[in-house]
Amino acid sequence: MKEQRNGKPGQEERREKPNLRWVLELILALAFVLYTAFRFAAIFGGMFKVLFPVFGALGVFLLAFQAITTLGRGRYSALYSALVFLSGLYIAFLVYSGCGLLVFDALYAILAFGFHLPVSPALLTGLAALTGVLVTLYGAVHAARPVVVPVRVPTAKVKTPYRVVQLSDLHIGAVIGRRRIASVVRQVSGLCPDLVVITGDLFNRRSCRECRDLHLVERELSSLSCPVVCVTGNHDLSGSDPDFSSFLSRSGILLVDEKEEDFGPVRVIGRSGCREEMENRRPLPDLSGDARLTIVLDHNPKGMEEAAFAGADLALFGHTHAGQFFPCTLMTRWYYGKAANHGVSKDRNTTCIVSSGTGCFQCPVRVGTNAEIVRIDVYPV
């Protein structure tokens, strides 16, 4: 009998419900689409009556498709995957070309006051469109190339060097599939780690079904020769979900939500990040007197203060993506603060690392951030 790879027949998926913020964001995005459509179509003069509705309808369709995927609706086919990718690129194009239009329109209005400008609005509109295309293409290529971020941690708790590789926010689904995971696995294997940790959001839409080649992803992940552990994130299912637990088992990944495991001189303590289990999180015990190197894995960096107060040696986080692409980078930095948004910081005696993520969510682009594989070298002093 053929194995059911992407979920059991008839099993209900976990779907999101629209809220007021979601509706307001969609209305704002649609208004931005119509503004951009109006400005682009105006370049072509007599063709305006044709181009405006075509461009506007295309934008409304792609945004509506993104809304459907956000709510967890859709049939996970090749067409679905292609539309997820294209609609994500369109959102990035809309952001950069639309912002360019706003900037150029403002500059033209200011400079035209009392001056005669030889530059036409049509030329500025064309430049904005070209900027949107080029920045979006750069962001798509850049997002697919994770960089290795080295971090060195001195400690008296190990006698020989120990290497931990952190992955985070893979977002396996319609966009992140076998090819991207295979590339990540090759990079990780080349680092020769003693331990690989994944700090949440292995999946993209709280469903294992969105990834059409999931069995190939499992094969790639299971080829890692060192222990691999993970905690769940807000986009993941609970460890009790049969699809998710089967994926972890076949991939050779150990889930450590609200558990602890020893790996030689290292103790790993996991914190649950999936929505169903957040209420069951137990307070961290006092870790300061432990002779072993203690690593706390958590998805959301809001747990940073608790890990530091408990006396963890290392606390690893993800979730923020560091904003993933400008101008969202400014928003997450403002919301989380510099230390909790991205990078390495010290809180009491705890080294805290917030990864910008190895994959990407919603829009397959990165501008102003990197996809990261964090290499943590713990060495004796």
Protein backbone atom coordinates (compact mmCIF):
# COMPACT_ATOMS: atom_id res chain seq x y z
CA MET A 1 0.00 0.00 0.00
CA LYS A 2 1.34 3.43 -0.92
CA GLU A 3 2.54 5.46 2.05
CA GLN A 4 0.65 8.64 2.82
CA ARG A 5 3.44 11.20 2.89
CA ASN A 6 1.67 14.46 3.39
CA GLY A 7 -0.96 13.76 5.99
CA LYS A 8 -3.78 11.29 6.52
CA PRO A 9 -6.89 11.41 4.37
CA GLY A 10 -9.70 13.34 5.96
CA GLN A 11 -7.50 14.90 8.62
CA GLU A 12 -8.46 18.49 9.36
CA GLU A 13 -5.78 21.12 8.91
CA ARG A 14 -5.20 23.86 11.41
CA ARG A 15 -6.36 27.06 9.81
CA GLU A 16 -6.01 30.66 10.80
CA LYS A 17 -8.96 33.00 11.26
CA PRO A 18 -8.98 36.54 9.88
CA ASN A 19 -8.64 39.27 12.48
CA LEU A 20 -8.96 43.06 12.34
CA ARG A 21 -5.23 43.62 11.77
CA TRP A 22 -5.25 41.11 8.91
CA VAL A 23 -8.21 42.87 7.24
CA LEU A 24 -6.67 46.34 7.66
CA GLU A 25 -3.35 45.15 6.20
CA LEU A 26 -5.16 43.67 3.20
CA ILE A 27 -7.13 46.89 2.59
CA LEU A 28 -3.93 48.95 2.80
CA ALA A 29 -2.16 46.58 0.40
CA LEU A 30 -5.04 46.75 -2.10
CA ALA A 31 -4.97 50.56 -1.97
CA PHE A 32 -1.23 50.42 -2.66
CA VAL A 33 -1.88 48.12 -5.64
CA LEU A 34 -4.39 50.53 -7.16
CA TYR A 35 -2.07 53.51 -6.64
CA THR A 36 0.82 51.67 -8.28
CA ALA A 37 -1.39 50.46 -11.14
CA PHE A 38 -2.60 54.01 -11.76
CA ARG A 39 0.94 55.43 -11.84
CA PHE A 40 2.41 52.73 -14.07
CA ALA A 41 -0.46 52.74 -16.52
CA ALA A 42 -0.26 56.55 -16.82
CA ILE A 43 3.16 56.19 -18.50
CA PHE A 44 1.57 54.72 -21.59
CA GLY A 45 -0.99 57.45 -22.13
CA GLY A 46 -3.61 56.11 -24.52
CA MET A 47 -3.16 52.56 -23.26
CA PHE A 48 -4.11 53.66 -19.74
CA LYS A 49 -7.69 52.41 -19.99
CA VAL A 50 -6.43 48.89 -20.78
CA LEU A 51 -3.36 48.67 -18.57
CA PHE A 52 -4.87 50.06 -15.39
CA PRO A 53 -7.54 47.35 -14.97
CA VAL A 54 -5.14 44.60 -16.13
CA PHE A 55 -2.36 45.56 -13.73
CA GLY A 56 -4.84 46.25 -10.95
CA ALA A 57 -6.65 42.93 -11.42
CA LEU A 58 -3.35 41.04 -11.45
CA GLY A 59 -2.28 42.72 -8.22
CA VAL A 60 -5.62 42.05 -6.52
CA PHE A 61 -5.47 38.38 -7.56
CA LEU A 62 -1.93 37.85 -6.26
CA LEU A 63 -2.65 39.61 -2.98
CA ALA A 64 -5.85 37.62 -2.56
CA PHE A 65 -3.87 34.43 -3.17
CA GLN A 66 -1.38 35.42 -0.47
CA ALA A 67 -4.32 36.01 1.87
CA ILE A 68 -5.69 32.54 1.10
CA THR A 69 -2.35 30.90 1.87
CA THR A 70 -2.05 32.89 5.11
CA LEU A 71 -5.37 31.46 6.23
CA GLY A 72 -4.23 27.95 5.37
CA ARG A 73 -6.57 27.46 2.42
CA GLY A 74 -5.58 25.97 -0.90
CA ARG A 75 -4.80 22.73 -2.70
CA TYR A 76 -1.10 21.96 -2.51
CA SER A 77 -0.30 21.39 -6.19
CA ALA A 78 2.46 22.49 -8.54
CA LEU A 79 0.29 25.43 -9.55
CA TYR A 80 -0.20 26.36 -5.90
CA SER A 81 3.58 26.34 -5.32
CA ALA A 82 4.18 28.49 -8.40
CA LEU A 83 1.54 31.00 -7.36
CA VAL A 84 2.93 31.18 -3.80
CA PHE A 85 6.36 32.00 -5.23
CA LEU A 86 5.10 34.51 -7.81
CA SER A 87 2.72 36.27 -5.43
CA GLY A 88 5.56 36.58 -2.89
CA LEU A 89 7.77 38.16 -5.55
CA TYR A 90 4.92 40.47 -6.52
CA ILE A 91 4.57 41.72 -2.94
CA ALA A 92 8.29 42.54 -2.86
CA PHE A 93 8.03 44.27 -6.25
CA LEU A 94 5.02 46.22 -5.02
CA VAL A 95 6.89 47.34 -1.90
CA TYR A 96 10.01 48.56 -3.71
CA SER A 97 8.41 50.00 -6.84
CA GLY A 98 5.57 51.56 -4.85
CA CYS A 99 7.92 53.13 -2.33
CA GLY A 100 10.04 54.37 -5.22
CA LEU A 101 6.97 55.97 -6.75
CA LEU A 102 6.07 57.71 -3.50
CA VAL A 103 9.61 59.05 -3.12
CA PHE A 104 9.87 60.20 -6.75
CA ASP A 105 6.41 61.80 -6.65
CA ALA A 106 7.29 63.69 -3.47
CA LEU A 107 10.64 64.87 -4.87
CA TYR A 108 9.06 65.93 -8.15
CA ALA A 109 6.34 67.89 -6.35
CA ILE A 110 8.91 69.64 -4.12
CA LEU A 111 11.41 70.44 -6.86
CA ALA A 112 8.77 71.44 -9.39
CA PHE A 113 7.53 74.18 -7.07
CA GLY A 114 9.01 77.28 -8.63
CA PHE A 115 11.39 75.36 -10.92
CA HIS A 116 11.18 74.00 -14.43
CA LEU A 117 12.29 70.37 -14.41
CA PRO A 118 13.41 68.71 -17.66
CA VAL A 119 12.68 65.26 -16.15
CA SER A 120 9.18 63.96 -16.85
CA PRO A 121 7.05 62.11 -14.30
CA ALA A 122 6.85 59.21 -16.78
CA LEU A 123 10.62 58.75 -16.63
CA LEU A 124 10.61 58.76 -12.84
CA THR A 125 7.78 56.20 -12.86
CA GLY A 126 9.81 54.00 -15.19
CA LEU A 127 12.83 54.26 -12.89
CA ALA A 128 10.67 53.24 -9.93
CA ALA A 129 9.41 50.18 -11.82
CA LEU A 130 12.95 49.20 -12.85
CA THR A 131 14.13 49.63 -9.25
CA GLY A 132 11.34 47.35 -8.04
CA VAL A 133 12.26 44.64 -10.55
CA LEU A 134 16.01 44.75 -9.84
CA VAL A 135 15.71 44.83 -6.04
CA THR A 136 13.17 41.97 -6.08
CA LEU A 137 15.40 39.80 -8.30
CA TYR A 138 18.39 40.51 -6.06
CA GLY A 139 16.35 39.64 -2.97
CA ALA A 140 15.17 36.33 -4.47
CA VAL A 141 18.71 35.23 -5.36
CA HIS A 142 20.13 36.44 -2.05
CA ALA A 143 17.48 34.60 0.00
CA ALA A 144 18.50 31.27 -1.55
CA ARG A 145 22.13 31.57 -0.43
CA PRO A 146 22.58 31.15 3.33
CA VAL A 147 25.77 32.54 4.80
CA VAL A 148 27.72 30.91 7.61
CA VAL A 149 27.92 33.14 10.69
CA PRO A 150 30.81 32.20 13.03
CA VAL A 151 30.41 32.67 16.79
CA ARG A 152 33.11 31.74 19.34
CA VAL A 153 32.15 30.96 22.94
CA PRO A 154 34.91 30.46 25.53
CA THR A 155 34.06 28.37 28.60
CA ALA A 156 35.69 26.32 31.32
CA LYS A 157 32.92 23.72 31.03
CA VAL A 158 34.42 21.84 28.07
CA LYS A 159 37.85 20.22 27.81
CA THR A 160 37.93 19.97 24.02
CA PRO A 161 36.37 22.18 21.31
CA TYR A 162 32.72 21.47 20.58
CA ARG A 163 30.86 22.75 17.51
CA VAL A 164 27.14 23.47 17.42
CA VAL A 165 25.40 24.50 14.19
CA GLN A 166 22.15 26.39 14.54
CA LEU A 167 19.45 26.39 11.87
CA SER A 168 16.21 28.28 12.33
CA ASP A 169 13.00 29.13 10.50
CA LEU A 170 13.45 26.74 7.60
CA HIS A 171 9.76 27.19 6.67
CA ILE A 172 9.57 23.99 4.65
CA GLY A 173 6.57 24.25 2.34
CA ALA A 174 5.59 25.45 -1.10
CA VAL A 175 8.80 27.46 -1.66
CA ILE A 176 11.36 25.72 0.56
CA GLY A 177 11.58 22.11 -0.62
CA ARG A 178 14.13 19.41 -1.39
CA ARG A 179 16.56 21.54 -3.39
CA ARG A 180 16.87 24.26 -0.78
CA ILE A 181 17.12 21.77 2.09
CA ALA A 182 19.71 19.70 0.18
CA SER A 183 21.83 22.83 -0.24
CA VAL A 184 21.56 23.62 3.47
CA VAL A 185 22.47 20.04 4.42
CA ARG A 186 25.58 20.20 2.22
CA GLN A 187 26.67 23.42 3.89
CA VAL A 188 26.06 22.03 7.37
CA SER A 189 27.87 18.77 6.62
CA GLY A 190 30.88 20.76 5.42
CA LEU A 191 31.10 22.42 8.85
CA CYS A 192 31.57 19.03 10.61
CA PRO A 193 29.35 19.85 13.62
CA ASP A 194 29.10 17.82 16.81
CA LEU A 195 25.45 18.85 17.15
CA VAL A 196 22.83 20.53 14.95
CA VAL A 197 19.98 22.46 16.59
CA ILE A 198 16.87 23.87 14.90
CA THR A 199 15.18 26.69 16.78
CA GLY A 200 11.64 26.37 15.49
CA ASP A 201 9.46 26.95 12.43
CA LEU A 202 10.51 23.89 10.51
CA PHE A 203 7.29 24.24 8.53
CA ASN A 204 5.62 27.15 6.83
CA ARG A 205 1.86 26.88 7.31
CA ARG A 206 1.25 24.62 10.33
CA SER A 207 0.82 21.77 7.88
CA CYS A 208 3.21 19.12 6.57
CA ARG A 209 1.16 18.83 3.37
CA GLU A 210 2.27 22.07 1.76
CA CYS A 211 5.64 20.52 0.84
CA ARG A 212 4.97 18.23 -2.11
CA ASP A 213 8.36 16.44 -1.95
CA LEU A 214 8.41 15.99 1.82
CA HIS A 215 9.76 12.44 1.62
CA LEU A 216 12.81 13.78 -0.25
CA VAL A 217 13.27 16.50 2.37
CA GLU A 218 13.21 13.80 5.05
CA ARG A 219 15.88 11.86 3.16
CA GLU A 220 18.13 14.91 2.93
CA LEU A 221 17.83 15.77 6.63
CA SER A 222 18.39 12.18 7.72
CA SER A 223 21.75 12.17 5.91
CA LEU A 224 23.29 14.44 8.57
CA SER A 225 25.83 12.35 10.48
CA CYS A 226 25.60 14.09 13.87
CA PRO A 227 22.68 14.36 16.33
CA VAL A 228 19.96 16.83 15.26
CA VAL A 229 17.52 18.30 17.78
CA CYS A 230 14.74 20.85 17.41
CA VAL A 231 12.06 22.82 19.20
CA THR A 232 8.78 23.92 17.68
CA GLY A 233 7.89 27.44 16.55
CA ASN A 234 4.65 29.30 16.05
CA HIS A 235 4.29 27.93 12.51
CA ASP A 236 4.81 24.33 13.61
CA LEU A 237 2.40 21.67 14.74
CA SER A 238 2.50 20.13 18.18
CA GLY A 239 4.87 17.23 18.72
CA SER A 240 1.80 15.06 19.35
CA ASP A 241 0.56 15.62 15.78
CA PRO A 242 1.01 12.32 13.88
CA ASP A 243 2.19 13.96 10.64
CA PHE A 244 4.75 16.11 12.40
CA SER A 245 6.05 13.33 14.64
CA SER A 246 6.38 11.01 11.61
CA PHE A 247 8.34 13.68 9.75
CA LEU A 248 10.72 14.11 12.68
CA SER A 249 11.20 10.35 13.04
CA ARG A 250 11.94 9.81 9.35
CA SER A 251 14.26 12.84 9.28
CA GLY A 252 16.27 11.68 12.31
CA ILE A 253 15.39 14.80 14.31
CA LEU A 254 14.81 14.65 18.06
CA LEU A 255 12.14 17.00 19.43
CA VAL A 256 13.16 18.46 22.81
CA ASP A 257 10.12 20.62 23.60
CA GLU A 258 9.99 20.92 27.41
CA LYS A 259 12.66 18.21 27.70
CA GLU A 260 16.39 18.02 28.24
CA GLU A 261 18.96 15.80 26.58
CA ASP A 262 22.69 15.23 27.12
CA PHE A 263 25.17 15.17 24.26
CA GLY A 264 28.60 14.54 25.74
CA PRO A 265 29.64 17.65 27.67
CA VAL A 266 26.54 19.54 26.56
CA ARG A 267 23.05 19.61 28.07
CA VAL A 268 20.26 20.85 25.79
CA ILE A 269 17.00 22.16 27.25
CA GLY A 270 14.15 22.78 24.82
CA ARG A 271 11.28 25.24 25.10
CA SER A 272 8.04 24.67 23.23
CA GLY A 273 7.10 27.35 20.71
CA CYS A 274 4.00 25.93 19.02
CA ARG A 275 0.73 27.62 19.90
CA GLU A 276 -0.96 24.56 21.41
CA GLU A 277 1.85 23.99 23.91
CA MET A 278 2.70 27.53 25.02
CA GLU A 279 0.46 27.25 28.08
CA ASN A 280 2.34 24.13 29.19
CA ARG A 281 5.77 25.73 29.31
CA ARG A 282 7.40 25.11 32.65
CA PRO A 283 9.72 27.67 34.29
CA LEU A 284 13.40 27.00 33.74
CA PRO A 285 15.21 25.58 36.78
CA ASP A 286 18.36 27.14 38.24
CA LEU A 287 21.11 26.24 35.76
CA SER A 288 23.93 28.36 37.15
CA GLY A 289 25.59 25.65 39.24
CA ASP A 290 25.68 22.95 36.54
CA ALA A 291 29.15 21.73 35.56
CA ARG A 292 27.89 20.87 32.06
CA LEU A 293 27.57 23.43 29.27
CA THR A 294 23.83 24.21 29.18
CA ILE A 295 22.14 25.30 25.95
CA VAL A 296 18.56 26.54 25.99
CA LEU A 297 16.69 26.34 22.68
CA ASP A 298 13.69 28.61 22.23
CA HIS A 299 11.94 29.98 19.18
CA ASN A 300 10.85 33.43 20.31
CA PRO A 301 13.57 35.72 21.72
CA LYS A 302 11.08 36.98 24.29
CA GLY A 303 12.41 34.05 26.32
CA MET A 304 15.89 35.58 26.41
CA GLU A 305 15.57 37.19 29.83
CA GLU A 306 14.27 34.00 31.46
CA ALA A 307 17.14 31.93 30.03
CA ALA A 308 19.70 34.47 31.25
CA PHE A 309 18.12 34.71 34.69
CA ALA A 310 18.16 30.89 35.00
CA GLY A 311 21.89 30.87 34.28
CA ALA A 312 22.09 29.15 30.87
CA ASP A 313 25.48 29.25 29.17
CA LEU A 314 23.99 29.57 25.68
CA ALA A 315 20.48 30.60 24.63
CA LEU A 316 19.54 30.23 20.96
CA PHE A 317 16.53 31.82 19.27
CA GLY A 318 14.98 32.56 15.86
CA HIS A 319 11.51 33.83 14.88
CA THR A 320 12.27 37.45 13.95
CA HIS A 321 13.96 36.83 10.57
CA ALA A 322 15.57 40.20 11.44
CA GLY A 323 12.68 41.60 9.40
CA GLN A 324 13.69 39.55 6.32
CA PHE A 325 13.46 42.48 3.92
CA PHE A 326 13.58 46.25 4.15
CA PRO A 327 11.55 48.14 5.41
CA CYS A 328 10.27 45.31 7.66
CA THR A 329 13.79 45.25 9.10
CA LEU A 330 13.08 48.60 10.76
CA MET A 331 9.80 47.35 12.23
CA THR A 332 11.22 44.23 13.87
CA ARG A 333 14.20 46.15 15.24
CA TRP A 334 11.81 48.66 16.80
CA TYR A 335 9.49 45.94 18.16
CA TYR A 336 12.07 43.52 19.59
CA GLY A 337 14.94 45.89 20.31
CA LYS A 338 18.47 45.49 18.98
CA ALA A 339 19.55 42.47 21.05
CA ALA A 340 16.36 40.44 20.60
CA ASN A 341 15.97 41.26 16.91
CA HIS A 342 19.17 39.66 15.63
CA GLY A 343 22.76 38.86 16.49
CA VAL A 344 24.91 37.93 19.46
CA SER A 345 24.56 39.57 22.85
CA LYS A 346 25.52 38.92 26.45
CA ASP A 347 22.95 38.95 29.25
CA ARG A 348 24.45 38.26 32.67
CA ASN A 349 26.61 35.16 32.03
CA THR A 350 24.52 33.93 29.11
CA THR A 351 25.55 34.23 25.47
CA CYS A 352 22.35 34.86 23.51
CA ILE A 353 22.13 34.30 19.76
CA VAL A 354 19.13 35.33 17.66
CA SER A 355 19.34 33.93 14.12
CA SER A 356 17.76 35.74 11.19
CA GLY A 357 16.64 32.33 9.93
CA THR A 358 17.83 29.90 7.30
CA GLY A 359 14.70 29.99 5.14
CA CYS A 360 12.13 32.67 4.41
CA PHE A 361 8.43 33.23 5.02
CA GLN A 362 5.69 34.62 2.78
CA CYS A 363 7.97 36.48 0.36
CA PRO A 364 10.94 34.48 -1.01
CA VAL A 365 13.24 37.52 -0.82
CA ARG A 366 15.81 38.96 1.57
CA VAL A 367 16.96 42.55 1.34
CA GLY A 368 19.06 43.98 4.15
CA THR A 369 19.31 40.59 5.90
CA ASN A 370 20.99 37.24 5.27
CA ALA A 371 19.71 33.71 5.41
CA GLU A 372 21.94 32.26 8.13
CA ILE A 373 23.62 29.08 9.27
CA VAL A 374 25.15 29.90 12.65
CA ARG A 375 28.40 28.04 13.49
CA ILE A 376 29.03 28.15 17.23
CA ASP A 377 32.50 27.04 18.32
CA VAL A 378 32.65 26.35 22.05
CA TYR A 379 36.27 26.11 23.19
CA PRO A 380 38.00 25.58 26.56
CA VAL A 381 39.73 28.34 28.50
